[in-house]
Structures are given as C-alpha cells and as structure tokens.
Amino acid sequence: MTLTANGLSGYVTVALAPGSSNTQGVLALQNWLVKNGFLTQAQMNTGPGVYGQATTAAVASLQQQLGVDAGNSPGYYGPLTIATIQAEIDALTPNVIPDPDQIGIILIEQFEGFSSTAYFDVNKYRVGYGNDLYAISNGSGGWIYDLSVTLGTTTSMEAAAAELQYRLDTKLNAGIPGIERDLGLSRFLNLSPLRQGVLESIA
C-alpha cells in the first residue's frame, strides 16, 4: 500500500502493546491503522479498543512496510515505530525541513515516561521526563527555564515538554550542541532525521 504524509499524520504518540488496558489509545491507533489501510473497519469492529490479534498483525504489517526491526516483538507499537512514522512523514515532505527534535522528544518521552511530581534518581531529584531541571510559565506565553528540581517540585506535561525542548536545543552536555561538538556539525546534519533524533534521545 502507498503511504502518504497526510495519511500518516495524526499517529498515536503513546506506546501500546497487545493486551493494553489503554482503551482510548488503542481505539485511536485502530482508527489510524484503518485510515492507512493496515486494518479493515470490519476487523476493528470485532474488538474496538482491544489490542488483539488483528491489531497486532496490522502493526506488524506497518512495521514491515516502514522497515522497522521489531526483533522478537512484532506488532508492538513502541518508541521505535512511533519515531519511524515521524521520520517517514519527514521523508514524504521533502519541501519541509524535517525537525529531528520532534523524533528525539518522542523517544525521550516514551523511554522516560512522565512524572508530575519529583522523584529521586541517580543522585538528583527529577520531574517531568526525567529532568533534574524544570520550567515555569513567565506569564507572557513563554517559559523560565533551568530551575532546579527539589523534593516538592511539580510540573505539567506542557512545561516538561518546554524544558525538554530547551535542553535539546541549548545544552552542551545534554543536547544538540554537544552532539555537534563531538560528532562534527556537517556529519550530524548529513544523518537522517531518525538517526539525528536517536542521538538526541541518548545525548
């Protein structure tokens, strides 16, 4: 089947797996799979919101078409599949400059998970998407960044995403500037958006 950027848009950005209890997430994934021809409406109607055999097979088919190495877990809708969908959208829209930050953020959000309250991990308090720094609104539509997380710190998903984006864009030891320094700017820019995003997620 032919994939289009328009068809792929609106993909589900949360990881899901066979047997998932996230009914609304599974239902959104199924509708998206139907839209893109990997699942029929009749198949979906047998178990709307249920991540069963038909949905698993549909995701496995999607992974095969996208070239995702699912390893021992074909049909698992995880971070690599999600990031690859975004990379495919970028590839299908050559007149639009791809944003590897979006892929990096997807991978980090999926692997770290979100916490609205502070927790202690690796000698520091962290909040949001595993960050030891957080952002708050400046009251004018922008953000104040780099506030240190303490025991009582809380954050929202919006604020955590803003701090994460800021970190990727500005931090020498935890973002794109550091990658460009270590890898070389031209070499980094010559990588595919997916590979750039993966590097960002582990920087």
N, C-alpha and C. Protein backbone atom coordinates (compact mmCIF):
# COMPACT_ATOMS: atom_id res chain seq x y z
N MET A 1 0.85 -1.19 0.00
CA MET A 1 0.00 0.00 0.00
C MET A 1 0.88 1.24 0.00
N THR A 2 0.35 2.35 -0.47
CA THR A 2 1.11 3.59 -0.58
C THR A 2 0.89 4.45 0.65
N LEU A 3 1.98 4.83 1.29
CA LEU A 3 1.90 5.70 2.46
C LEU A 3 2.02 7.15 2.03
N THR A 4 1.24 8.02 2.66
CA THR A 4 1.30 9.44 2.37
C THR A 4 1.50 10.20 3.68
N ALA A 5 2.10 11.39 3.57
CA ALA A 5 2.31 12.20 4.76
C ALA A 5 0.98 12.57 5.40
N ASN A 6 -0.02 12.86 4.57
CA ASN A 6 -1.32 13.22 5.09
C ASN A 6 -1.97 12.05 5.82
N GLY A 7 -1.82 10.86 5.24
CA GLY A 7 -2.40 9.68 5.88
C GLY A 7 -1.71 9.33 7.18
N LEU A 8 -0.38 9.48 7.20
CA LEU A 8 0.38 9.12 8.39
C LEU A 8 0.22 10.14 9.52
N SER A 9 -0.17 11.36 9.17
CA SER A 9 -0.32 12.39 10.20
C SER A 9 -1.38 11.97 11.21
N GLY A 10 -1.26 12.49 12.40
CA GLY A 10 -2.22 12.15 13.44
C GLY A 10 -1.96 10.80 14.09
N TYR A 11 -0.75 10.29 13.91
CA TYR A 11 -0.41 8.99 14.51
C TYR A 11 -0.41 9.08 16.04
N VAL A 12 -0.62 7.95 16.67
CA VAL A 12 -0.67 7.88 18.14
C VAL A 12 0.75 7.99 18.68
N THR A 13 0.95 8.83 19.69
CA THR A 13 2.30 9.09 20.22
C THR A 13 2.57 8.41 21.55
N VAL A 14 1.71 7.51 21.97
CA VAL A 14 1.96 6.74 23.19
C VAL A 14 2.22 5.28 22.81
N ALA A 15 3.14 4.65 23.54
CA ALA A 15 3.46 3.26 23.27
C ALA A 15 2.29 2.36 23.70
N LEU A 16 1.99 1.37 22.87
CA LEU A 16 0.90 0.43 23.15
C LEU A 16 1.38 -0.97 22.80
N ALA A 17 0.79 -1.96 23.45
CA ALA A 17 1.20 -3.34 23.23
C ALA A 17 -0.02 -4.25 23.28
N PRO A 18 0.10 -5.46 22.71
CA PRO A 18 -1.01 -6.41 22.79
C PRO A 18 -1.49 -6.58 24.23
N GLY A 19 -2.79 -6.52 24.40
CA GLY A 19 -3.38 -6.65 25.73
C GLY A 19 -3.43 -5.35 26.50
N SER A 20 -3.05 -4.23 25.88
CA SER A 20 -3.02 -2.94 26.56
C SER A 20 -4.37 -2.59 27.15
N SER A 21 -4.33 -1.97 28.34
CA SER A 21 -5.57 -1.54 29.00
C SER A 21 -5.94 -0.11 28.63
N ASN A 22 -5.11 0.54 27.82
CA ASN A 22 -5.38 1.91 27.38
C ASN A 22 -6.38 1.87 26.22
N THR A 23 -7.64 1.72 26.55
CA THR A 23 -8.69 1.52 25.54
C THR A 23 -8.76 2.68 24.54
N GLN A 24 -8.70 3.91 25.05
CA GLN A 24 -8.80 5.06 24.17
C GLN A 24 -7.60 5.15 23.24
N GLY A 25 -6.41 4.85 23.77
CA GLY A 25 -5.21 4.85 22.94
C GLY A 25 -5.27 3.80 21.85
N VAL A 26 -5.73 2.61 22.22
CA VAL A 26 -5.85 1.52 21.25
C VAL A 26 -6.88 1.86 20.18
N LEU A 27 -7.98 2.46 20.60
CA LEU A 27 -9.02 2.84 19.65
C LEU A 27 -8.49 3.87 18.66
N ALA A 28 -7.71 4.83 19.15
CA ALA A 28 -7.11 5.84 18.26
C ALA A 28 -6.13 5.18 17.30
N LEU A 29 -5.36 4.24 17.80
CA LEU A 29 -4.42 3.51 16.94
C LEU A 29 -5.16 2.72 15.88
N GLN A 30 -6.22 2.04 16.26
CA GLN A 30 -7.00 1.25 15.30
C GLN A 30 -7.60 2.14 14.21
N ASN A 31 -8.15 3.28 14.60
CA ASN A 31 -8.71 4.20 13.60
C ASN A 31 -7.63 4.67 12.63
N TRP A 32 -6.44 4.93 13.16
CA TRP A 32 -5.32 5.37 12.32
C TRP A 32 -4.88 4.25 11.39
N LEU A 33 -4.86 3.02 11.88
CA LEU A 33 -4.49 1.87 11.05
C LEU A 33 -5.52 1.64 9.94
N VAL A 34 -6.80 1.86 10.27
CA VAL A 34 -7.86 1.74 9.25
C VAL A 34 -7.66 2.81 8.18
N LYS A 35 -7.39 4.03 8.61
CA LYS A 35 -7.20 5.14 7.67
C LYS A 35 -6.07 4.86 6.70
N ASN A 36 -5.03 4.16 7.17
CA ASN A 36 -3.86 3.89 6.34
C ASN A 36 -3.87 2.52 5.68
N GLY A 37 -4.97 1.78 5.83
CA GLY A 37 -5.14 0.53 5.10
C GLY A 37 -4.49 -0.69 5.71
N PHE A 38 -4.05 -0.60 6.96
CA PHE A 38 -3.42 -1.76 7.60
C PHE A 38 -4.43 -2.61 8.37
N LEU A 39 -5.60 -2.05 8.61
CA LEU A 39 -6.65 -2.74 9.34
C LEU A 39 -7.97 -2.38 8.66
N THR A 40 -8.85 -3.36 8.49
CA THR A 40 -10.15 -3.06 7.89
C THR A 40 -11.13 -2.62 8.98
N GLN A 41 -12.15 -1.90 8.57
CA GLN A 41 -13.17 -1.48 9.53
C GLN A 41 -13.86 -2.70 10.14
N ALA A 42 -14.05 -3.74 9.32
CA ALA A 42 -14.68 -4.96 9.82
C ALA A 42 -13.83 -5.61 10.90
N GLN A 43 -12.51 -5.63 10.68
CA GLN A 43 -11.61 -6.19 11.69
C GLN A 43 -11.67 -5.37 12.98
N MET A 44 -11.67 -4.07 12.83
CA MET A 44 -11.72 -3.21 14.01
C MET A 44 -13.02 -3.40 14.78
N ASN A 45 -14.11 -3.58 14.04
CA ASN A 45 -15.42 -3.73 14.68
C ASN A 45 -15.52 -4.99 15.54
N THR A 46 -14.62 -5.96 15.33
CA THR A 46 -14.66 -7.18 16.14
C THR A 46 -14.11 -6.93 17.54
N GLY A 47 -13.37 -5.84 17.71
CA GLY A 47 -12.81 -5.54 19.03
C GLY A 47 -12.31 -4.12 19.14
N PRO A 48 -13.21 -3.13 19.02
CA PRO A 48 -12.78 -1.74 19.13
C PRO A 48 -12.19 -1.45 20.51
N GLY A 49 -10.98 -0.91 20.51
CA GLY A 49 -10.31 -0.60 21.77
C GLY A 49 -9.58 -1.78 22.38
N VAL A 50 -9.60 -2.91 21.69
CA VAL A 50 -8.93 -4.12 22.18
C VAL A 50 -7.71 -4.41 21.31
N TYR A 51 -6.54 -4.48 21.90
CA TYR A 51 -5.30 -4.74 21.17
C TYR A 51 -5.13 -6.26 21.06
N GLY A 52 -5.88 -6.83 20.11
CA GLY A 52 -5.87 -8.28 19.92
C GLY A 52 -5.04 -8.70 18.73
N GLN A 53 -5.35 -9.87 18.17
CA GLN A 53 -4.57 -10.44 17.09
C GLN A 53 -4.61 -9.59 15.83
N ALA A 54 -5.78 -9.05 15.50
CA ALA A 54 -5.91 -8.27 14.27
C ALA A 54 -5.09 -6.98 14.35
N THR A 55 -5.15 -6.32 15.49
CA THR A 55 -4.38 -5.08 15.67
C THR A 55 -2.89 -5.38 15.69
N THR A 56 -2.51 -6.46 16.35
CA THR A 56 -1.10 -6.86 16.40
C THR A 56 -0.57 -7.13 15.00
N ALA A 57 -1.36 -7.85 14.20
CA ALA A 57 -0.95 -8.16 12.82
C ALA A 57 -0.86 -6.89 11.98
N ALA A 58 -1.79 -5.97 12.21
CA ALA A 58 -1.79 -4.71 11.45
C ALA A 58 -0.55 -3.89 11.77
N VAL A 59 -0.18 -3.81 13.04
CA VAL A 59 1.02 -3.07 13.44
C VAL A 59 2.27 -3.75 12.88
N ALA A 60 2.29 -5.08 12.89
CA ALA A 60 3.43 -5.82 12.33
C ALA A 60 3.57 -5.52 10.84
N SER A 61 2.44 -5.42 10.14
CA SER A 61 2.46 -5.10 8.71
C SER A 61 2.99 -3.68 8.49
N LEU A 62 2.56 -2.76 9.35
CA LEU A 62 3.05 -1.38 9.29
C LEU A 62 4.56 -1.36 9.49
N GLN A 63 5.04 -2.09 10.49
CA GLN A 63 6.47 -2.12 10.78
C GLN A 63 7.26 -2.68 9.59
N GLN A 64 6.72 -3.70 8.98
CA GLN A 64 7.40 -4.30 7.82
C GLN A 64 7.50 -3.30 6.68
N GLN A 65 6.43 -2.56 6.43
CA GLN A 65 6.46 -1.59 5.33
C GLN A 65 7.41 -0.44 5.63
N LEU A 66 7.49 -0.04 6.91
CA LEU A 66 8.37 1.06 7.29
C LEU A 66 9.83 0.63 7.46
N GLY A 67 10.05 -0.69 7.49
CA GLY A 67 11.40 -1.18 7.69
C GLY A 67 11.85 -1.17 9.13
N VAL A 68 10.89 -1.22 10.05
CA VAL A 68 11.21 -1.23 11.48
C VAL A 68 11.64 -2.63 11.89
N ASP A 69 12.80 -2.72 12.54
CA ASP A 69 13.27 -4.00 13.06
C ASP A 69 12.58 -4.24 14.40
N ALA A 70 11.52 -5.03 14.36
CA ALA A 70 10.74 -5.27 15.58
C ALA A 70 11.35 -6.34 16.46
N GLY A 71 12.40 -7.01 15.99
CA GLY A 71 13.06 -8.03 16.80
C GLY A 71 12.11 -9.15 17.18
N ASN A 72 12.06 -9.44 18.47
CA ASN A 72 11.20 -10.51 18.96
C ASN A 72 9.81 -10.03 19.34
N SER A 73 9.52 -8.76 19.04
CA SER A 73 8.22 -8.20 19.43
C SER A 73 7.48 -7.57 18.26
N PRO A 74 7.28 -8.30 17.16
CA PRO A 74 6.50 -7.73 16.05
C PRO A 74 5.07 -7.44 16.50
N GLY A 75 4.56 -6.30 16.06
CA GLY A 75 3.21 -5.94 16.44
C GLY A 75 3.13 -5.10 17.69
N TYR A 76 4.29 -4.82 18.31
CA TYR A 76 4.33 -3.94 19.48
C TYR A 76 4.53 -2.51 18.99
N TYR A 77 3.61 -1.64 19.31
CA TYR A 77 3.65 -0.25 18.86
C TYR A 77 4.45 0.56 19.87
N GLY A 78 5.78 0.56 19.70
CA GLY A 78 6.66 1.18 20.66
C GLY A 78 7.37 2.41 20.13
N PRO A 79 8.33 2.92 20.91
CA PRO A 79 9.03 4.17 20.56
C PRO A 79 9.70 4.15 19.19
N LEU A 80 10.32 3.03 18.81
CA LEU A 80 11.00 2.97 17.53
C LEU A 80 10.00 3.09 16.37
N THR A 81 8.87 2.42 16.49
CA THR A 81 7.83 2.51 15.46
C THR A 81 7.28 3.93 15.37
N ILE A 82 7.02 4.53 16.52
CA ILE A 82 6.49 5.90 16.56
C ILE A 82 7.46 6.87 15.90
N ALA A 83 8.74 6.77 16.27
CA ALA A 83 9.75 7.67 15.70
C ALA A 83 9.93 7.44 14.20
N THR A 84 9.82 6.19 13.76
CA THR A 84 9.97 5.88 12.34
C THR A 84 8.82 6.45 11.53
N ILE A 85 7.62 6.47 12.10
CA ILE A 85 6.48 7.08 11.41
C ILE A 85 6.76 8.55 11.17
N GLN A 86 7.27 9.25 12.20
CA GLN A 86 7.59 10.66 12.02
C GLN A 86 8.68 10.85 10.98
N ALA A 87 9.69 9.97 10.99
CA ALA A 87 10.76 10.05 10.00
C ALA A 87 10.22 9.83 8.59
N GLU A 88 9.24 8.94 8.45
CA GLU A 88 8.64 8.68 7.14
C GLU A 88 7.85 9.90 6.67
N ILE A 89 7.15 10.55 7.59
CA ILE A 89 6.44 11.78 7.24
C ILE A 89 7.43 12.82 6.74
N ASP A 90 8.57 12.95 7.43
CA ASP A 90 9.60 13.90 7.01
C ASP A 90 10.11 13.57 5.61
N ALA A 91 10.30 12.27 5.35
CA ALA A 91 10.83 11.85 4.04
C ALA A 91 9.82 12.10 2.93
N LEU A 92 8.53 12.04 3.26
CA LEU A 92 7.48 12.23 2.26
C LEU A 92 7.15 13.70 2.02
N THR A 93 7.75 14.57 2.81
CA THR A 93 7.54 16.01 2.64
C THR A 93 8.88 16.70 2.44
N PRO A 94 9.52 16.48 1.27
CA PRO A 94 10.87 16.99 1.04
C PRO A 94 10.98 18.51 1.03
N ASN A 95 9.86 19.19 0.80
CA ASN A 95 9.90 20.65 0.77
C ASN A 95 9.78 21.26 2.16
N VAL A 96 9.59 20.41 3.16
CA VAL A 96 9.50 20.87 4.54
C VAL A 96 10.76 20.41 5.27
N ILE A 97 11.43 21.34 5.93
CA ILE A 97 12.64 20.98 6.66
C ILE A 97 12.27 20.08 7.83
N PRO A 98 12.80 18.86 7.90
CA PRO A 98 12.45 17.95 8.98
C PRO A 98 12.95 18.45 10.32
N ASP A 99 12.24 18.10 11.36
CA ASP A 99 12.60 18.52 12.70
C ASP A 99 13.00 17.29 13.52
N PRO A 100 14.32 16.98 13.58
CA PRO A 100 14.74 15.81 14.34
C PRO A 100 14.44 15.94 15.82
N ASP A 101 14.29 17.19 16.30
CA ASP A 101 13.93 17.38 17.71
C ASP A 101 12.64 16.64 18.04
N GLN A 102 11.69 16.66 17.11
CA GLN A 102 10.41 16.02 17.35
C GLN A 102 10.59 14.52 17.58
N ILE A 103 11.47 13.91 16.78
CA ILE A 103 11.74 12.49 16.95
C ILE A 103 12.47 12.24 18.26
N GLY A 104 13.48 13.07 18.55
CA GLY A 104 14.21 12.92 19.80
C GLY A 104 13.30 13.05 21.00
N ILE A 105 12.39 14.03 20.96
CA ILE A 105 11.47 14.23 22.07
C ILE A 105 10.53 13.04 22.22
N ILE A 106 10.03 12.51 21.10
CA ILE A 106 9.16 11.33 21.16
C ILE A 106 9.88 10.18 21.87
N LEU A 107 11.12 9.92 21.47
CA LEU A 107 11.87 8.81 22.05
C LEU A 107 12.11 9.02 23.55
N ILE A 108 12.50 10.24 23.92
CA ILE A 108 12.76 10.52 25.33
C ILE A 108 11.48 10.39 26.15
N GLU A 109 10.39 10.96 25.65
CA GLU A 109 9.13 10.89 26.38
C GLU A 109 8.67 9.45 26.58
N GLN A 110 8.87 8.62 25.55
CA GLN A 110 8.43 7.23 25.65
C GLN A 110 9.29 6.43 26.62
N PHE A 111 10.60 6.62 26.56
CA PHE A 111 11.50 5.84 27.40
C PHE A 111 11.50 6.32 28.84
N GLU A 112 11.43 7.62 29.06
CA GLU A 112 11.48 8.17 30.42
C GLU A 112 10.13 8.09 31.11
N GLY A 113 9.05 8.32 30.36
CA GLY A 113 7.75 8.42 30.99
C GLY A 113 7.61 9.77 31.68
N PHE A 114 6.39 10.14 32.01
CA PHE A 114 6.14 11.46 32.61
C PHE A 114 5.79 11.32 34.08
N SER A 115 6.37 12.20 34.89
CA SER A 115 6.02 12.27 36.31
C SER A 115 5.74 13.73 36.66
N SER A 116 4.56 14.00 37.16
CA SER A 116 4.21 15.38 37.52
C SER A 116 4.83 15.80 38.85
N THR A 117 5.26 14.83 39.65
CA THR A 117 5.87 15.12 40.95
C THR A 117 7.32 14.65 40.96
N ALA A 118 8.12 15.29 41.79
CA ALA A 118 9.55 14.99 41.85
C ALA A 118 9.81 13.60 42.45
N TYR A 119 10.86 12.96 41.95
CA TYR A 119 11.31 11.68 42.49
C TYR A 119 12.83 11.68 42.48
N PHE A 120 13.43 10.87 43.33
CA PHE A 120 14.89 10.84 43.46
C PHE A 120 15.46 9.73 42.59
N ASP A 121 16.42 10.09 41.75
CA ASP A 121 17.02 9.10 40.84
C ASP A 121 18.43 9.56 40.45
N VAL A 122 19.42 8.69 40.60
CA VAL A 122 20.81 8.96 40.24
C VAL A 122 21.29 10.26 40.89
N ASN A 123 21.17 10.34 42.19
CA ASN A 123 21.72 11.43 43.00
C ASN A 123 21.04 12.78 42.81
N LYS A 124 19.91 12.82 42.12
CA LYS A 124 19.21 14.09 41.93
C LYS A 124 17.70 13.87 41.95
N TYR A 125 16.99 14.92 42.33
CA TYR A 125 15.54 14.90 42.17
C TYR A 125 15.21 15.21 40.71
N ARG A 126 14.25 14.50 40.18
CA ARG A 126 13.86 14.67 38.78
C ARG A 126 12.35 14.79 38.67
N VAL A 127 11.91 15.41 37.58
CA VAL A 127 10.48 15.60 37.36
C VAL A 127 10.24 15.67 35.86
N GLY A 128 8.99 15.61 35.45
CA GLY A 128 8.69 15.66 34.02
C GLY A 128 9.18 14.42 33.32
N TYR A 129 10.04 14.61 32.31
CA TYR A 129 10.58 13.49 31.55
C TYR A 129 12.01 13.18 31.99
N GLY A 130 12.18 12.92 33.27
CA GLY A 130 13.47 12.51 33.81
C GLY A 130 14.49 13.62 33.92
N ASN A 131 14.03 14.87 33.99
CA ASN A 131 14.94 16.01 34.00
C ASN A 131 15.17 16.50 35.43
N ASP A 132 16.41 16.93 35.73
CA ASP A 132 16.70 17.50 37.04
C ASP A 132 16.51 19.01 37.06
N LEU A 133 16.05 19.56 35.93
CA LEU A 133 15.70 20.97 35.82
C LEU A 133 14.26 21.06 35.29
N TYR A 134 13.59 22.17 35.59
CA TYR A 134 12.22 22.30 35.10
C TYR A 134 11.92 23.75 34.71
N ALA A 135 10.82 23.94 34.01
CA ALA A 135 10.42 25.27 33.53
C ALA A 135 9.09 25.66 34.14
N ILE A 136 8.90 26.98 34.27
CA ILE A 136 7.61 27.51 34.69
C ILE A 136 7.21 28.62 33.72
N SER A 137 5.94 28.90 33.64
CA SER A 137 5.45 29.96 32.76
C SER A 137 5.96 31.32 33.24
N ASN A 138 6.30 32.17 32.28
CA ASN A 138 6.71 33.53 32.64
C ASN A 138 5.53 34.49 32.66
N GLY A 139 4.33 33.96 32.43
CA GLY A 139 3.13 34.77 32.47
C GLY A 139 2.83 35.53 31.20
N SER A 140 3.70 35.37 30.20
CA SER A 140 3.50 36.11 28.93
C SER A 140 3.55 35.18 27.73
N GLY A 141 3.27 33.92 27.96
CA GLY A 141 3.27 32.96 26.87
C GLY A 141 4.60 32.27 26.65
N GLY A 142 5.59 32.58 27.47
CA GLY A 142 6.91 31.96 27.35
C GLY A 142 7.25 31.17 28.61
N TRP A 143 8.53 30.85 28.76
CA TRP A 143 8.95 29.99 29.85
C TRP A 143 10.20 30.51 30.54
N ILE A 144 10.31 30.22 31.81
CA ILE A 144 11.55 30.43 32.57
C ILE A 144 12.15 29.05 32.78
N TYR A 145 13.37 28.85 32.26
CA TYR A 145 13.98 27.52 32.23
C TYR A 145 15.03 27.33 33.33
N ASP A 146 15.48 26.09 33.43
CA ASP A 146 16.65 25.72 34.24
C ASP A 146 16.47 25.94 35.74
N LEU A 147 15.27 25.75 36.23
CA LEU A 147 15.04 25.80 37.68
C LEU A 147 15.35 24.42 38.26
N SER A 148 16.06 24.38 39.36
CA SER A 148 16.48 23.10 39.95
C SER A 148 15.31 22.39 40.61
N VAL A 149 15.19 21.11 40.34
CA VAL A 149 14.13 20.30 40.92
C VAL A 149 14.46 19.98 42.38
N THR A 150 13.48 20.15 43.25
CA THR A 150 13.61 19.78 44.65
C THR A 150 12.50 18.80 45.00
N LEU A 151 12.49 18.36 46.23
CA LEU A 151 11.54 17.33 46.66
C LEU A 151 10.09 17.70 46.37
N GLY A 152 9.72 18.98 46.55
CA GLY A 152 8.32 19.37 46.39
C GLY A 152 7.95 19.87 45.01
N THR A 153 8.86 19.76 44.05
CA THR A 153 8.60 20.29 42.70
C THR A 153 7.49 19.51 41.99
N THR A 154 6.62 20.23 41.32
CA THR A 154 5.61 19.62 40.44
C THR A 154 5.67 20.31 39.09
N THR A 155 5.19 19.63 38.06
CA THR A 155 5.19 20.22 36.72
C THR A 155 4.04 19.66 35.91
N SER A 156 3.78 20.29 34.78
CA SER A 156 2.76 19.82 33.85
C SER A 156 3.45 19.23 32.63
N MET A 157 2.70 18.50 31.81
CA MET A 157 3.28 17.95 30.59
C MET A 157 3.77 19.06 29.66
N GLU A 158 3.00 20.15 29.59
CA GLU A 158 3.38 21.26 28.72
C GLU A 158 4.71 21.88 29.17
N ALA A 159 4.84 22.11 30.47
CA ALA A 159 6.07 22.69 31.00
C ALA A 159 7.25 21.72 30.85
N ALA A 160 6.99 20.43 31.07
CA ALA A 160 8.06 19.44 30.94
C ALA A 160 8.54 19.34 29.49
N ALA A 161 7.61 19.42 28.54
CA ALA A 161 7.98 19.39 27.12
C ALA A 161 8.79 20.62 26.75
N ALA A 162 8.44 21.77 27.32
CA ALA A 162 9.18 23.00 27.04
C ALA A 162 10.60 22.90 27.56
N GLU A 163 10.78 22.39 28.76
CA GLU A 163 12.14 22.23 29.32
C GLU A 163 12.94 21.21 28.51
N LEU A 164 12.28 20.15 28.07
CA LEU A 164 12.96 19.13 27.28
C LEU A 164 13.43 19.72 25.95
N GLN A 165 12.57 20.47 25.28
CA GLN A 165 12.95 21.12 24.02
C GLN A 165 14.12 22.08 24.24
N TYR A 166 14.06 22.84 25.31
CA TYR A 166 15.13 23.79 25.63
C TYR A 166 16.46 23.05 25.86
N ARG A 167 16.37 21.94 26.58
CA ARG A 167 17.58 21.16 26.85
C ARG A 167 18.21 20.65 25.57
N LEU A 168 17.39 20.10 24.68
CA LEU A 168 17.91 19.57 23.42
C LEU A 168 18.55 20.66 22.56
N ASP A 169 17.95 21.84 22.59
CA ASP A 169 18.42 22.91 21.72
C ASP A 169 19.64 23.66 22.24
N THR A 170 19.86 23.64 23.57
CA THR A 170 20.87 24.54 24.12
C THR A 170 21.98 23.89 24.93
N LYS A 171 21.78 22.70 25.47
CA LYS A 171 22.73 22.16 26.43
C LYS A 171 23.93 21.49 25.75
N LEU A 172 25.11 21.90 26.15
CA LEU A 172 26.34 21.36 25.57
C LEU A 172 26.55 19.90 25.94
N ASN A 173 26.14 19.52 27.14
CA ASN A 173 26.38 18.15 27.59
C ASN A 173 25.13 17.28 27.56
N ALA A 174 24.02 17.82 27.09
CA ALA A 174 22.79 17.02 27.06
C ALA A 174 21.87 17.46 25.94
N GLY A 175 22.44 17.80 24.79
CA GLY A 175 21.60 18.25 23.69
C GLY A 175 22.35 18.32 22.38
N ILE A 176 21.75 18.97 21.41
CA ILE A 176 22.31 19.05 20.07
C ILE A 176 23.68 19.72 20.03
N PRO A 177 23.91 20.83 20.76
CA PRO A 177 25.24 21.45 20.71
C PRO A 177 26.37 20.48 21.06
N GLY A 178 26.12 19.61 22.04
CA GLY A 178 27.14 18.64 22.42
C GLY A 178 27.37 17.58 21.35
N ILE A 179 26.27 17.17 20.70
CA ILE A 179 26.40 16.19 19.61
C ILE A 179 27.19 16.79 18.46
N GLU A 180 26.87 18.04 18.12
CA GLU A 180 27.58 18.70 17.02
C GLU A 180 29.05 18.87 17.35
N ARG A 181 29.35 19.13 18.62
CA ARG A 181 30.75 19.27 19.04
C ARG A 181 31.49 17.95 18.91
N ASP A 182 30.86 16.86 19.37
CA ASP A 182 31.54 15.57 19.42
C ASP A 182 31.57 14.87 18.06
N LEU A 183 30.49 15.03 17.30
CA LEU A 183 30.38 14.32 16.03
C LEU A 183 30.84 15.18 14.86
N GLY A 184 30.72 16.48 15.01
CA GLY A 184 31.00 17.39 13.91
C GLY A 184 29.70 17.84 13.28
N LEU A 185 29.56 19.15 13.06
CA LEU A 185 28.31 19.70 12.56
C LEU A 185 27.89 19.10 11.23
N SER A 186 28.81 19.03 10.26
CA SER A 186 28.45 18.53 8.93
C SER A 186 28.06 17.06 8.98
N ARG A 187 28.76 16.31 9.79
CA ARG A 187 28.44 14.87 9.88
C ARG A 187 27.07 14.66 10.51
N PHE A 188 26.76 15.46 11.54
CA PHE A 188 25.45 15.36 12.19
C PHE A 188 24.34 15.73 11.23
N LEU A 189 24.53 16.82 10.48
CA LEU A 189 23.49 17.29 9.56
C LEU A 189 23.29 16.34 8.39
N ASN A 190 24.28 15.51 8.09
CA ASN A 190 24.16 14.55 6.99
C ASN A 190 23.43 13.27 7.40
N LEU A 191 23.18 13.12 8.69
CA LEU A 191 22.42 11.95 9.15
C LEU A 191 20.95 12.14 8.84
N SER A 192 20.22 11.03 8.74
CA SER A 192 18.78 11.11 8.53
C SER A 192 18.13 11.70 9.79
N PRO A 193 16.95 12.31 9.66
CA PRO A 193 16.26 12.85 10.83
C PRO A 193 16.06 11.80 11.93
N LEU A 194 15.79 10.55 11.54
CA LEU A 194 15.59 9.50 12.53
C LEU A 194 16.86 9.26 13.32
N ARG A 195 18.01 9.19 12.63
CA ARG A 195 19.27 8.97 13.33
C ARG A 195 19.65 10.17 14.18
N GLN A 196 19.36 11.37 13.69
CA GLN A 196 19.61 12.55 14.50
C GLN A 196 18.77 12.49 15.78
N GLY A 197 17.50 12.11 15.62
CA GLY A 197 16.60 12.02 16.78
C GLY A 197 17.05 10.99 17.78
N VAL A 198 17.53 9.86 17.29
CA VAL A 198 18.02 8.81 18.21
C VAL A 198 19.22 9.32 18.99
N LEU A 199 20.14 9.99 18.31
CA LEU A 199 21.29 10.56 19.01
C LEU A 199 20.86 11.57 20.06
N GLU A 200 19.89 12.40 19.74
CA GLU A 200 19.41 13.37 20.69
C GLU A 200 18.82 12.69 21.93
N SER A 201 18.15 11.57 21.71
CA SER A 201 17.47 10.91 22.83
C SER A 201 18.45 10.27 23.81
N ILE A 202 19.68 10.01 23.38
CA ILE A 202 20.66 9.37 24.26
C ILE A 202 21.78 10.31 24.66
N ALA A 203 21.73 11.55 24.17
CA ALA A 203 22.82 12.50 24.46
C ALA A 203 22.88 12.85 25.95
